[in-house]
Amino acid sequence: MVTAVPSQSQTQSQTRPEAVRAWLPGFLALALIWGASFLFIKVGVSELHPLYVTLGRVLIGAVTLGVVLAVTRDRLPRDLRLWAHIALVGVFGTALPFTLFAYGEQRVSSSLAGIWNATTPLVVLPLAVWLFRTERMTWQRATGLGMGFVGVLVILGVWQGVGGSALTGQLMCLGAAACYGVAIPYFKRYVAGRAQSGVAISTMQLLTASAALLVVTPFVAGLPPAPAALSADVIWSVVALGALGTGIAFVINTRNIRMAGASTASMVTYLVPVVATVVGIVVLNESLSWYQPSGALVVLAGVAVAQSGRRFSGRSREITAEPAHDDAPPVPAGGPGQRG
């Protein structure tokens, strides 16, 4: 989501007790929704092909935001060039990362997938600097990237040797973060600043992602299973992924940005992997090796260093790197996600 940098007076007003009480519930709700999304993915892929989990969530998310558009009497734009840009964001910012997280969670725990989602800002930054040229590199950012790379090696536990399906699953989750690394700066350069509302843009993104998935999924995954053959847990998990994690979460995140400012709202990035880990352990009885959450702390520290004191050149402004996902704008999070 591209926003103007909050002024000092705005920042001070946002930290007053009464202001914090106003936006904090939505902030915590968003962390819970995006963090729990990895649990819903894990349940979904237990009976569904990963592509059908993704297709279900984006279709339901599109319908949810369509209802919001109807209630607010907003409209989708007719600009074909804008639709073309959004189609690319829909593929790289929604369809691909959501699918990769779903494939990854066939091989790794939901907790570990949530941890990998936290690497998204570290993947976004170098591509934004060197490929899209919407940001510039500084020593502070380079230091943060270096810390993040060390954290990734710790999460992988490279000193033990890596291989097998667990490594494949982790690389798929990292690949999902890399997709966001393409989509977010592309969105920043070619879509941000348009007159259309965020809800309209995100609805377009989900519609184009749905169209791509409707073409690809039957060829890769075959015909979908009959709903009667699925358990209630799987059905409601996909519904929750779409309606909450890919639909309602956008509305909450937009409200958080409006009330607390983009910088404060983006701090939800630090809570999502914590929620994903706790929910995975408590609900699914998952376990983590000591080095995985330790590496996540190093990654998040690197993100904090890289994002603090942000300066941009030219026409660029502040960009809050979502995980995500998922949208939250500009990219639905998957927390996807996603920022899952």
C-alpha atoms as a PDB file:
ATOM      1  CA  MET A   1       0.000   0.000   0.000  1.00  0.00           C
ATOM      2  CA  VAL A   2       1.500   3.343  -1.045  1.00  0.00           C
ATOM      3  CA  THR A   3       0.885   6.168   1.347  1.00  0.00           C
ATOM      4  CA  ALA A   4       2.349   9.507   2.257  1.00  0.00           C
ATOM      5  CA  VAL A   5       4.828   9.402   5.134  1.00  0.00           C
ATOM      6  CA  PRO A   6       3.025  10.489   8.341  1.00  0.00           C
ATOM      7  CA  SER A   7       4.097  13.845   9.685  1.00  0.00           C
ATOM      8  CA  GLN A   8       5.540  14.212  13.178  1.00  0.00           C
ATOM      9  CA  SER A   9       2.294  15.680  14.469  1.00  0.00           C
ATOM     10  CA  GLN A  10       0.329  12.768  12.972  1.00  0.00           C
ATOM     11  CA  THR A  11       2.718  10.264  14.527  1.00  0.00           C
ATOM     12  CA  GLN A  12       2.370  11.905  17.932  1.00  0.00           C
ATOM     13  CA  SER A  13      -1.427  11.912  17.679  1.00  0.00           C
ATOM     14  CA  GLN A  14      -1.390   8.229  16.736  1.00  0.00           C
ATOM     15  CA  THR A  15       0.502   7.329  19.920  1.00  0.00           C
ATOM     16  CA  ARG A  16      -1.885   9.079  22.318  1.00  0.00           C
ATOM     17  CA  PRO A  17      -3.729   6.588  24.564  1.00  0.00           C
ATOM     18  CA  GLU A  18      -7.147   7.321  23.083  1.00  0.00           C
ATOM     19  CA  ALA A  19      -5.803   6.945  19.520  1.00  0.00           C
ATOM     20  CA  VAL A  20      -4.091   3.655  20.358  1.00  0.00           C
ATOM     21  CA  ARG A  21      -7.313   2.299  21.845  1.00  0.00           C
ATOM     22  CA  ALA A  22      -9.065   3.136  18.571  1.00  0.00           C
ATOM     23  CA  TRP A  23      -6.758   1.267  16.149  1.00  0.00           C
ATOM     24  CA  LEU A  24      -5.173  -1.408  18.349  1.00  0.00           C
ATOM     25  CA  PRO A  25      -8.134  -3.880  18.223  1.00  0.00           C
ATOM     26  CA  GLY A  26      -8.077  -3.860  14.421  1.00  0.00           C
ATOM     27  CA  PHE A  27      -4.293  -4.205  14.414  1.00  0.00           C
ATOM     28  CA  LEU A  28      -4.436  -7.286  16.653  1.00  0.00           C
ATOM     29  CA  ALA A  29      -7.358  -8.735  14.702  1.00  0.00           C
ATOM     30  CA  LEU A  30      -5.357  -8.471  11.482  1.00  0.00           C
ATOM     31  CA  ALA A  31      -2.347 -10.202  13.048  1.00  0.00           C
ATOM     32  CA  LEU A  32      -4.642 -13.005  14.230  1.00  0.00           C
ATOM     33  CA  ILE A  33      -6.361 -13.401  10.839  1.00  0.00           C
ATOM     34  CA  TRP A  34      -3.156 -13.425   8.808  1.00  0.00           C
ATOM     35  CA  GLY A  35      -1.326 -15.604  11.315  1.00  0.00           C
ATOM     36  CA  ALA A  36      -4.162 -18.134  11.396  1.00  0.00           C
ATOM     37  CA  SER A  37      -4.267 -18.242   7.590  1.00  0.00           C
ATOM     38  CA  PHE A  38      -1.343 -20.682   7.604  1.00  0.00           C
ATOM     39  CA  LEU A  39      -3.364 -23.026   9.814  1.00  0.00           C
ATOM     40  CA  PHE A  40      -6.295 -22.843   7.381  1.00  0.00           C
ATOM     41  CA  ILE A  41      -3.971 -23.638   4.461  1.00  0.00           C
ATOM     42  CA  LYS A  42      -2.601 -26.654   6.310  1.00  0.00           C
ATOM     43  CA  VAL A  43      -6.102 -27.989   6.955  1.00  0.00           C
ATOM     44  CA  GLY A  44      -7.169 -27.254   3.376  1.00  0.00           C
ATOM     45  CA  VAL A  45      -4.338 -29.166   1.694  1.00  0.00           C
ATOM     46  CA  SER A  46      -5.042 -32.221   3.835  1.00  0.00           C
ATOM     47  CA  GLU A  47      -7.920 -33.076   1.447  1.00  0.00           C
ATOM     48  CA  LEU A  48      -7.632 -30.628  -1.454  1.00  0.00           C
ATOM     49  CA  HIS A  49      -5.009 -30.125  -4.140  1.00  0.00           C
ATOM     50  CA  PRO A  50      -3.042 -26.933  -3.372  1.00  0.00           C
ATOM     51  CA  LEU A  51      -4.355 -25.285  -6.533  1.00  0.00           C
ATOM     52  CA  TYR A  52      -7.944 -25.831  -5.437  1.00  0.00           C
ATOM     53  CA  VAL A  53      -7.191 -24.358  -2.024  1.00  0.00           C
ATOM     54  CA  THR A  54      -5.836 -21.257  -3.767  1.00  0.00           C
ATOM     55  CA  LEU A  55      -8.693 -21.104  -6.280  1.00  0.00           C
ATOM     56  CA  GLY A  56     -11.267 -21.397  -3.533  1.00  0.00           C
ATOM     57  CA  ARG A  57      -9.741 -18.658  -1.407  1.00  0.00           C
ATOM     58  CA  VAL A  58      -9.321 -16.134  -4.235  1.00  0.00           C
ATOM     59  CA  LEU A  59     -12.829 -16.719  -5.574  1.00  0.00           C
ATOM     60  CA  ILE A  60     -14.353 -16.304  -2.109  1.00  0.00           C
ATOM     61  CA  GLY A  61     -12.123 -13.272  -1.482  1.00  0.00           C
ATOM     62  CA  ALA A  62     -13.252 -11.698  -4.760  1.00  0.00           C
ATOM     63  CA  VAL A  63     -16.899 -12.244  -3.854  1.00  0.00           C
ATOM     64  CA  THR A  64     -16.318 -10.744  -0.395  1.00  0.00           C
ATOM     65  CA  LEU A  65     -14.716  -7.603  -1.805  1.00  0.00           C
ATOM     66  CA  GLY A  66     -17.397  -7.470  -4.485  1.00  0.00           C
ATOM     67  CA  VAL A  67     -19.975  -7.202  -1.725  1.00  0.00           C
ATOM     68  CA  VAL A  68     -17.940  -4.376  -0.163  1.00  0.00           C
ATOM     69  CA  LEU A  69     -17.870  -2.617  -3.553  1.00  0.00           C
ATOM     70  CA  ALA A  70     -21.633  -2.943  -3.877  1.00  0.00           C
ATOM     71  CA  VAL A  71     -22.302  -1.668  -0.359  1.00  0.00           C
ATOM     72  CA  THR A  72     -19.989   1.330  -0.824  1.00  0.00           C
ATOM     73  CA  ARG A  73     -21.254   1.895  -4.401  1.00  0.00           C
ATOM     74  CA  ASP A  74     -17.715   1.736  -5.725  1.00  0.00           C
ATOM     75  CA  ARG A  75     -16.929   0.659  -9.284  1.00  0.00           C
ATOM     76  CA  LEU A  76     -14.318  -1.325 -11.137  1.00  0.00           C
ATOM     77  CA  PRO A  77     -12.378   0.743 -13.704  1.00  0.00           C
ATOM     78  CA  ARG A  78     -12.583   0.123 -17.454  1.00  0.00           C
ATOM     79  CA  ASP A  79      -8.989   1.086 -18.263  1.00  0.00           C
ATOM     80  CA  LEU A  80      -7.632  -1.919 -20.212  1.00  0.00           C
ATOM     81  CA  ARG A  81      -4.019  -0.923 -19.581  1.00  0.00           C
ATOM     82  CA  LEU A  82      -4.652  -0.853 -15.838  1.00  0.00           C
ATOM     83  CA  TRP A  83      -6.318  -4.266 -16.064  1.00  0.00           C
ATOM     84  CA  ALA A  84      -3.217  -5.598 -17.846  1.00  0.00           C
ATOM     85  CA  HIS A  85      -0.930  -4.333 -15.062  1.00  0.00           C
ATOM     86  CA  ILE A  86      -3.267  -5.730 -12.418  1.00  0.00           C
ATOM     87  CA  ALA A  87      -3.355  -9.095 -14.194  1.00  0.00           C
ATOM     88  CA  LEU A  88       0.411  -9.422 -13.753  1.00  0.00           C
ATOM     89  CA  VAL A  89       0.107  -8.446 -10.089  1.00  0.00           C
ATOM     90  CA  GLY A  90      -2.740 -10.936  -9.749  1.00  0.00           C
ATOM     91  CA  VAL A  91      -0.494 -13.743 -10.998  1.00  0.00           C
ATOM     92  CA  PHE A  92       2.721 -12.854  -9.141  1.00  0.00           C
ATOM     93  CA  GLY A  93       1.110 -11.274  -6.082  1.00  0.00           C
ATOM     94  CA  THR A  94      -1.751 -13.708  -5.512  1.00  0.00           C
ATOM     95  CA  ALA A  95      -2.056 -16.863  -7.620  1.00  0.00           C
ATOM     96  CA  LEU A  96       1.598 -17.972  -7.540  1.00  0.00           C
ATOM     97  CA  PRO A  97       2.518 -17.178  -3.912  1.00  0.00           C
ATOM     98  CA  PHE A  98      -0.748 -18.541  -2.520  1.00  0.00           C
ATOM     99  CA  THR A  99      -0.214 -21.749  -4.499  1.00  0.00           C
ATOM    100  CA  LEU A 100       3.435 -22.067  -3.460  1.00  0.00           C
ATOM    101  CA  PHE A 101       2.526 -21.666   0.211  1.00  0.00           C
ATOM    102  CA  ALA A 102      -0.138 -24.358  -0.210  1.00  0.00           C
ATOM    103  CA  TYR A 103       2.334 -26.722  -1.908  1.00  0.00           C
ATOM    104  CA  GLY A 104       4.920 -25.891   0.750  1.00  0.00           C
ATOM    105  CA  GLU A 105       2.555 -26.743   3.591  1.00  0.00           C
ATOM    106  CA  GLN A 106       2.181 -30.237   2.216  1.00  0.00           C
ATOM    107  CA  ARG A 107       5.810 -30.682   3.295  1.00  0.00           C
ATOM    108  CA  VAL A 108       6.385 -28.338   6.243  1.00  0.00           C
ATOM    109  CA  SER A 109       4.368 -27.182   9.233  1.00  0.00           C
ATOM    110  CA  SER A 110       2.077 -24.163   9.139  1.00  0.00           C
ATOM    111  CA  SER A 111       4.286 -22.591  11.817  1.00  0.00           C
ATOM    112  CA  LEU A 112       7.357 -22.825   9.614  1.00  0.00           C
ATOM    113  CA  ALA A 113       5.455 -21.473   6.606  1.00  0.00           C
ATOM    114  CA  GLY A 114       4.432 -18.468   8.708  1.00  0.00           C
ATOM    115  CA  ILE A 115       8.066 -17.907   9.613  1.00  0.00           C
ATOM    116  CA  TRP A 116       9.097 -17.935   5.945  1.00  0.00           C
ATOM    117  CA  ASN A 117       6.408 -15.382   5.150  1.00  0.00           C
ATOM    118  CA  ALA A 118       8.319 -12.948   7.370  1.00  0.00           C
ATOM    119  CA  THR A 119      11.157 -12.894   4.822  1.00  0.00           C
ATOM    120  CA  THR A 120       8.961 -11.070   2.279  1.00  0.00           C
ATOM    121  CA  PRO A 121      10.236  -7.514   3.005  1.00  0.00           C
ATOM    122  CA  LEU A 122      13.829  -8.707   2.601  1.00  0.00           C
ATOM    123  CA  VAL A 123      13.017 -10.138  -0.847  1.00  0.00           C
ATOM    124  CA  VAL A 124      11.048  -7.038  -1.892  1.00  0.00           C
ATOM    125  CA  LEU A 125      13.832  -4.565  -1.135  1.00  0.00           C
ATOM    126  CA  PRO A 126      16.629  -5.719  -3.496  1.00  0.00           C
ATOM    127  CA  LEU A 127      14.212  -6.141  -6.402  1.00  0.00           C
ATOM    128  CA  ALA A 128      12.716  -2.705  -5.737  1.00  0.00           C
ATOM    129  CA  VAL A 129      16.237  -1.220  -5.717  1.00  0.00           C
ATOM    130  CA  TRP A 130      17.901  -2.966  -8.643  1.00  0.00           C
ATOM    131  CA  LEU A 131      15.083  -4.142 -10.916  1.00  0.00           C
ATOM    132  CA  PHE A 132      12.267  -1.608 -10.555  1.00  0.00           C
ATOM    133  CA  ARG A 133      14.366   1.283  -9.217  1.00  0.00           C
ATOM    134  CA  THR A 134      11.597   2.555  -6.920  1.00  0.00           C
ATOM    135  CA  GLU A 135      13.927   2.663  -3.914  1.00  0.00           C
ATOM    136  CA  ARG A 136      17.629   3.176  -3.277  1.00  0.00           C
ATOM    137  CA  MET A 137      20.099   1.092  -1.327  1.00  0.00           C
ATOM    138  CA  THR A 138      21.786   2.449   1.795  1.00  0.00           C
ATOM    139  CA  TRP A 139      24.312   0.967   4.197  1.00  0.00           C
ATOM    140  CA  GLN A 140      21.536   0.590   6.747  1.00  0.00           C
ATOM    141  CA  ARG A 141      19.408  -1.385   4.330  1.00  0.00           C
ATOM    142  CA  ALA A 142      22.373  -3.492   3.205  1.00  0.00           C
ATOM    143  CA  THR A 143      23.043  -4.321   6.850  1.00  0.00           C
ATOM    144  CA  GLY A 144      19.417  -5.352   7.328  1.00  0.00           C
ATOM    145  CA  LEU A 145      19.557  -7.560   4.233  1.00  0.00           C
ATOM    146  CA  GLY A 146      22.733  -9.203   5.503  1.00  0.00           C
ATOM    147  CA  MET A 147      21.115  -9.911   8.850  1.00  0.00           C
ATOM    148  CA  GLY A 148      18.091 -11.346   7.069  1.00  0.00           C
ATOM    149  CA  PHE A 149      20.266 -13.663   4.956  1.00  0.00           C
ATOM    150  CA  VAL A 150      21.952 -14.964   8.108  1.00  0.00           C
ATOM    151  CA  GLY A 151      18.497 -15.529   9.619  1.00  0.00           C
ATOM    152  CA  VAL A 152      17.431 -17.542   6.569  1.00  0.00           C
ATOM    153  CA  LEU A 153      20.484 -19.795   6.951  1.00  0.00           C
ATOM    154  CA  VAL A 154      19.637 -20.288  10.621  1.00  0.00           C
ATOM    155  CA  ILE A 155      16.021 -21.208   9.816  1.00  0.00           C
ATOM    156  CA  LEU A 156      17.278 -23.781   7.305  1.00  0.00           C
ATOM    157  CA  GLY A 157      19.727 -25.191   9.868  1.00  0.00           C
ATOM    158  CA  VAL A 158      22.439 -25.372   7.198  1.00  0.00           C
ATOM    159  CA  TRP A 159      25.045 -26.712   9.667  1.00  0.00           C
ATOM    160  CA  GLN A 160      23.038 -29.952   9.834  1.00  0.00           C
ATOM    161  CA  GLY A 161      22.907 -30.422   6.099  1.00  0.00           C
ATOM    162  CA  VAL A 162      19.688 -29.829   4.208  1.00  0.00           C
ATOM    163  CA  GLY A 163      17.688 -31.952   1.819  1.00  0.00           C
ATOM    164  CA  GLY A 164      14.528 -33.938   1.321  1.00  0.00           C
ATOM    165  CA  SER A 165      10.903 -32.860   1.181  1.00  0.00           C
ATOM    166  CA  ALA A 166      11.275 -30.469   4.125  1.00  0.00           C
ATOM    167  CA  LEU A 167      13.848 -28.446   2.186  1.00  0.00           C
ATOM    168  CA  THR A 168      11.608 -28.497  -0.889  1.00  0.00           C
ATOM    169  CA  GLY A 169       8.697 -27.180   1.171  1.00  0.00           C
ATOM    170  CA  GLN A 170      10.794 -24.413   2.671  1.00  0.00           C
ATOM    171  CA  LEU A 171      12.096 -23.387  -0.753  1.00  0.00           C
ATOM    172  CA  MET A 172       8.519 -23.231  -2.011  1.00  0.00           C
ATOM    173  CA  CYS A 173       7.621 -20.876   0.850  1.00  0.00           C
ATOM    174  CA  LEU A 174      10.695 -18.782   0.062  1.00  0.00           C
ATOM    175  CA  GLY A 175       9.601 -18.802  -3.585  1.00  0.00           C
ATOM    176  CA  ALA A 176       6.248 -17.385  -2.504  1.00  0.00           C
ATOM    177  CA  ALA A 177       8.071 -14.522  -0.776  1.00  0.00           C
ATOM    178  CA  ALA A 178      10.084 -14.009  -3.975  1.00  0.00           C
ATOM    179  CA  CYS A 179       6.821 -13.659  -5.940  1.00  0.00           C
ATOM    180  CA  TYR A 180       5.802 -10.850  -3.598  1.00  0.00           C
ATOM    181  CA  GLY A 181       9.243  -9.380  -4.249  1.00  0.00           C
ATOM    182  CA  VAL A 182       8.242  -8.988  -7.905  1.00  0.00           C
ATOM    183  CA  ALA A 183       4.609  -7.980  -7.388  1.00  0.00           C
ATOM    184  CA  ILE A 184       4.978  -5.294  -4.727  1.00  0.00           C
ATOM    185  CA  PRO A 185       7.533  -3.049  -6.482  1.00  0.00           C
ATOM    186  CA  TYR A 186       5.769  -3.647  -9.828  1.00  0.00           C
ATOM    187  CA  PHE A 187       2.547  -2.479  -8.233  1.00  0.00           C
ATOM    188  CA  LYS A 188       4.408   0.501  -6.792  1.00  0.00           C
ATOM    189  CA  ARG A 189       5.742   1.547 -10.182  1.00  0.00           C
ATOM    190  CA  TYR A 190       2.815   0.881 -12.519  1.00  0.00           C
ATOM    191  CA  VAL A 191      -0.382   0.885 -10.436  1.00  0.00           C
ATOM    192  CA  ALA A 192       0.081   3.011  -7.295  1.00  0.00           C
ATOM    193  CA  GLY A 193      -1.273   6.526  -7.429  1.00  0.00           C
ATOM    194  CA  ARG A 194      -4.295   5.703  -9.581  1.00  0.00           C
ATOM    195  CA  ALA A 195      -7.617   7.317  -8.790  1.00  0.00           C
ATOM    196  CA  GLN A 196      -9.347   3.998  -8.109  1.00  0.00           C
ATOM    197  CA  SER A 197      -9.998   2.918  -4.535  1.00  0.00           C
ATOM    198  CA  GLY A 198      -7.942   0.245  -2.843  1.00  0.00           C
ATOM    199  CA  VAL A 199     -10.984  -2.044  -2.657  1.00  0.00           C
ATOM    200  CA  ALA A 200     -11.506  -1.762  -6.413  1.00  0.00           C
ATOM    201  CA  ILE A 201      -7.830  -2.446  -7.171  1.00  0.00           C
ATOM    202  CA  SER A 202      -7.737  -5.465  -4.854  1.00  0.00           C
ATOM    203  CA  THR A 203     -10.974  -6.829  -6.322  1.00  0.00           C
ATOM    204  CA  MET A 204      -9.416  -6.560  -9.793  1.00  0.00           C
ATOM    205  CA  GLN A 205      -6.357  -8.408  -8.511  1.00  0.00           C
ATOM    206  CA  LEU A 206      -8.427 -11.263  -7.139  1.00  0.00           C
ATOM    207  CA  LEU A 207     -10.562 -11.460 -10.281  1.00  0.00           C
ATOM    208  CA  THR A 208      -7.526 -11.710 -12.561  1.00  0.00           C
ATOM    209  CA  ALA A 209      -5.921 -14.281 -10.261  1.00  0.00           C
ATOM    210  CA  SER A 210      -9.159 -16.277 -10.284  1.00  0.00           C
ATOM    211  CA  ALA A 211      -9.283 -16.195 -14.083  1.00  0.00           C
ATOM    212  CA  ALA A 212      -5.713 -17.501 -14.359  1.00  0.00           C
ATOM    213  CA  LEU A 213      -6.359 -20.252 -11.822  1.00  0.00           C
ATOM    214  CA  LEU A 214      -9.620 -21.318 -13.485  1.00  0.00           C
ATOM    215  CA  VAL A 215      -7.648 -21.959 -16.678  1.00  0.00           C
ATOM    216  CA  VAL A 216      -4.657 -23.734 -15.114  1.00  0.00           C
ATOM    217  CA  THR A 217      -6.121 -25.690 -12.195  1.00  0.00           C
ATOM    218  CA  PRO A 218      -8.234 -28.297 -14.061  1.00  0.00           C
ATOM    219  CA  PHE A 219      -5.262 -29.229 -16.270  1.00  0.00           C
ATOM    220  CA  VAL A 220      -2.867 -29.627 -13.337  1.00  0.00           C
ATOM    221  CA  ALA A 221      -5.131 -30.900 -10.557  1.00  0.00           C
ATOM    222  CA  GLY A 222      -7.935 -32.560 -12.494  1.00  0.00           C
ATOM    223  CA  LEU A 223     -11.589 -32.131 -11.662  1.00  0.00           C
ATOM    224  CA  PRO A 224     -12.402 -30.767  -8.194  1.00  0.00           C
ATOM    225  CA  PRO A 225     -13.753 -33.175  -5.580  1.00  0.00           C
ATOM    226  CA  ALA A 226     -17.436 -33.051  -4.774  1.00  0.00           C
ATOM    227  CA  PRO A 227     -18.131 -30.791  -1.765  1.00  0.00           C
ATOM    228  CA  ALA A 228     -19.884 -33.707  -0.072  1.00  0.00           C
ATOM    229  CA  ALA A 229     -16.589 -35.614  -0.122  1.00  0.00           C
ATOM    230  CA  LEU A 230     -14.818 -32.935   1.905  1.00  0.00           C
ATOM    231  CA  SER A 231     -14.873 -32.603   5.673  1.00  0.00           C
ATOM    232  CA  ALA A 232     -16.456 -29.582   7.308  1.00  0.00           C
ATOM    233  CA  ASP A 233     -13.042 -28.521   8.647  1.00  0.00           C
ATOM    234  CA  VAL A 234     -11.610 -28.275   5.129  1.00  0.00           C
ATOM    235  CA  ILE A 235     -14.628 -26.429   3.724  1.00  0.00           C
ATOM    236  CA  TRP A 236     -14.702 -23.866   6.513  1.00  0.00           C
ATOM    237  CA  SER A 237     -10.928 -23.431   6.361  1.00  0.00           C
ATOM    238  CA  VAL A 238     -11.098 -22.455   2.688  1.00  0.00           C
ATOM    239  CA  VAL A 239     -14.061 -20.168   3.387  1.00  0.00           C
ATOM    240  CA  ALA A 240     -12.130 -18.513   6.217  1.00  0.00           C
ATOM    241  CA  LEU A 241      -9.071 -18.119   3.980  1.00  0.00           C
ATOM    242  CA  GLY A 242     -11.120 -16.349   1.347  1.00  0.00           C
ATOM    243  CA  ALA A 243     -13.626 -14.322   3.333  1.00  0.00           C
ATOM    244  CA  LEU A 244     -11.351 -13.374   6.241  1.00  0.00           C
ATOM    245  CA  GLY A 245      -7.721 -13.718   5.159  1.00  0.00           C
ATOM    246  CA  THR A 246      -8.195 -12.490   1.585  1.00  0.00           C
ATOM    247  CA  GLY A 247     -11.291 -10.284   1.893  1.00  0.00           C
ATOM    248  CA  ILE A 248     -12.169  -8.781   5.265  1.00  0.00           C
ATOM    249  CA  ALA A 249      -8.478  -8.481   6.188  1.00  0.00           C
ATOM    250  CA  PHE A 250      -8.078  -5.905   3.411  1.00  0.00           C
ATOM    251  CA  VAL A 251     -10.810  -3.718   4.895  1.00  0.00           C
ATOM    252  CA  ILE A 252      -9.257  -3.983   8.364  1.00  0.00           C
ATOM    253  CA  ASN A 253      -5.789  -3.176   7.064  1.00  0.00           C
ATOM    254  CA  THR A 254      -7.074  -0.130   5.183  1.00  0.00           C
ATOM    255  CA  ARG A 255      -8.727   1.104   8.382  1.00  0.00           C
ATOM    256  CA  ASN A 256      -5.508   0.528  10.337  1.00  0.00           C
ATOM    257  CA  ILE A 257      -3.492   2.561   7.820  1.00  0.00           C
ATOM    258  CA  ARG A 258      -6.024   5.382   7.929  1.00  0.00           C
ATOM    259  CA  MET A 259      -6.155   5.501  11.734  1.00  0.00           C
ATOM    260  CA  ALA A 260      -2.587   4.640  12.738  1.00  0.00           C
ATOM    261  CA  GLY A 261      -0.526   5.557   9.678  1.00  0.00           C
ATOM    262  CA  ALA A 262       1.251   3.290   7.200  1.00  0.00           C
ATOM    263  CA  SER A 263       4.402   2.818   9.270  1.00  0.00           C
ATOM    264  CA  THR A 264       2.530   1.704  12.388  1.00  0.00           C
ATOM    265  CA  ALA A 265       0.112  -0.489  10.437  1.00  0.00           C
ATOM    266  CA  SER A 266       2.975  -2.275   8.670  1.00  0.00           C
ATOM    267  CA  MET A 267       4.319  -3.451  12.040  1.00  0.00           C
ATOM    268  CA  VAL A 268       1.740  -6.242  11.908  1.00  0.00           C
ATOM    269  CA  THR A 269       4.474  -7.998   9.889  1.00  0.00           C
ATOM    270  CA  TYR A 270       6.264  -8.751  13.153  1.00  0.00           C
ATOM    271  CA  LEU A 271       3.238 -10.361  14.801  1.00  0.00           C
ATOM    272  CA  VAL A 272       2.081 -12.623  11.956  1.00  0.00           C
ATOM    273  CA  PRO A 273       4.837 -15.284  12.332  1.00  0.00           C
ATOM    274  CA  VAL A 274       4.336 -15.258  16.111  1.00  0.00           C
ATOM    275  CA  VAL A 275       0.607 -15.920  15.726  1.00  0.00           C
ATOM    276  CA  ALA A 276       1.231 -18.563  13.043  1.00  0.00           C
ATOM    277  CA  THR A 277       3.672 -20.369  15.328  1.00  0.00           C
ATOM    278  CA  VAL A 278       1.434 -20.279  18.406  1.00  0.00           C
ATOM    279  CA  VAL A 279      -1.678 -21.355  16.486  1.00  0.00           C
ATOM    280  CA  GLY A 280       0.184 -24.191  14.744  1.00  0.00           C
ATOM    281  CA  ILE A 281       1.589 -25.526  18.010  1.00  0.00           C
ATOM    282  CA  VAL A 282      -1.636 -25.186  20.029  1.00  0.00           C
ATOM    283  CA  VAL A 283      -4.176 -26.317  17.412  1.00  0.00           C
ATOM    284  CA  LEU A 284      -2.194 -28.772  15.271  1.00  0.00           C
ATOM    285  CA  ASN A 285       0.360 -29.916  17.862  1.00  0.00           C
ATOM    286  CA  GLU A 286       3.189 -28.903  15.547  1.00  0.00           C
ATOM    287  CA  SER A 287       6.750 -28.635  16.754  1.00  0.00           C
ATOM    288  CA  LEU A 288       9.704 -26.471  15.800  1.00  0.00           C
ATOM    289  CA  SER A 289      13.423 -26.931  16.222  1.00  0.00           C
ATOM    290  CA  TRP A 290      15.048 -24.278  18.400  1.00  0.00           C
ATOM    291  CA  TYR A 291      16.894 -22.708  15.486  1.00  0.00           C
ATOM    292  CA  GLN A 292      13.772 -22.008  13.412  1.00  0.00           C
ATOM    293  CA  PRO A 293      12.171 -19.391  15.705  1.00  0.00           C
ATOM    294  CA  SER A 294      15.683 -18.138  16.535  1.00  0.00           C
ATOM    295  CA  GLY A 295      16.328 -17.582  12.826  1.00  0.00           C
ATOM    296  CA  ALA A 296      12.952 -15.868  12.519  1.00  0.00           C
ATOM    297  CA  LEU A 297      13.997 -13.370  15.208  1.00  0.00           C
ATOM    298  CA  VAL A 298      17.171 -12.619  13.233  1.00  0.00           C
ATOM    299  CA  VAL A 299      15.115 -12.153  10.051  1.00  0.00           C
ATOM    300  CA  LEU A 300      12.683  -9.794  11.785  1.00  0.00           C
ATOM    301  CA  ALA A 301      15.578  -7.832  13.272  1.00  0.00           C
ATOM    302  CA  GLY A 302      17.003  -7.508   9.753  1.00  0.00           C
ATOM    303  CA  VAL A 303      13.615  -6.308   8.483  1.00  0.00           C
ATOM    304  CA  ALA A 304      13.478  -3.724  11.261  1.00  0.00           C
ATOM    305  CA  VAL A 305      16.964  -2.439  10.414  1.00  0.00           C
ATOM    306  CA  ALA A 306      16.261  -2.356   6.670  1.00  0.00           C
ATOM    307  CA  GLN A 307      12.933  -0.550   7.068  1.00  0.00           C
ATOM    308  CA  SER A 308      13.862   1.999   9.738  1.00  0.00           C
ATOM    309  CA  GLY A 309      14.603   5.512   8.582  1.00  0.00           C
ATOM    310  CA  ARG A 310      13.236   4.827   5.103  1.00  0.00           C
ATOM    311  CA  ARG A 311      14.269   7.293   2.401  1.00  0.00           C
ATOM    312  CA  PHE A 312      13.209   7.223  -1.186  1.00  0.00           C
ATOM    313  CA  SER A 313      14.378   9.030  -4.261  1.00  0.00           C
ATOM    314  CA  GLY A 314      12.482  10.492  -7.197  1.00  0.00           C
ATOM    315  CA  ARG A 315       8.738  10.045  -7.252  1.00  0.00           C
ATOM    316  CA  SER A 316       8.599   7.110  -4.861  1.00  0.00           C
ATOM    317  CA  ARG A 317       6.949   7.337  -1.480  1.00  0.00           C
ATOM    318  CA  GLU A 318       6.607   5.065   1.488  1.00  0.00           C
ATOM    319  CA  ILE A 319       5.589   1.505   0.699  1.00  0.00           C
ATOM    320  CA  THR A 320       4.491  -0.856   3.439  1.00  0.00           C
ATOM    321  CA  ALA A 321       5.688  -4.279   2.443  1.00  0.00           C
ATOM    322  CA  GLU A 322       2.920  -6.691   3.141  1.00  0.00           C
ATOM    323  CA  PRO A 323       3.475 -10.270   3.797  1.00  0.00           C
ATOM    324  CA  ALA A 324       1.003 -10.039   2.009  1.00  0.00           C
ATOM    325  CA  HIS A 325      -0.451 -12.458   1.132  1.00  0.00           C
ATOM    326  CA  ASP A 326      -1.762 -11.646   1.194  1.00  0.00           C
ATOM    327  CA  ASP A 327      -3.512  -8.244   0.040  1.00  0.00           C
ATOM    328  CA  ALA A 328      -3.561  -6.402   2.162  1.00  0.00           C
ATOM    329  CA  PRO A 329      -2.935  -3.756  -0.371  1.00  0.00           C
ATOM    330  CA  PRO A 330      -1.162  -3.824  -2.699  1.00  0.00           C
ATOM    331  CA  VAL A 331      -0.762  -7.585  -2.542  1.00  0.00           C
ATOM    332  CA  PRO A 332      -3.286  -9.789  -0.686  1.00  0.00           C
ATOM    333  CA  ALA A 333      -1.436 -11.538   1.984  1.00  0.00           C
ATOM    334  CA  GLY A 334      -1.518 -15.063   2.793  1.00  0.00           C
ATOM    335  CA  GLY A 335      -1.066 -13.852   5.196  1.00  0.00           C
ATOM    336  CA  PRO A 336      -0.933 -14.388   3.007  1.00  0.00           C
ATOM    337  CA  GLY A 337       0.048 -12.831   2.201  1.00  0.00           C
ATOM    338  CA  GLN A 338      -0.089 -11.484   2.604  1.00  0.00           C
ATOM    339  CA  ARG A 339       0.144 -11.140   2.887  1.00  0.00           C
ATOM    340  CA  GLY A 340      -0.754 -17.182   3.137  1.00  0.00           C
END
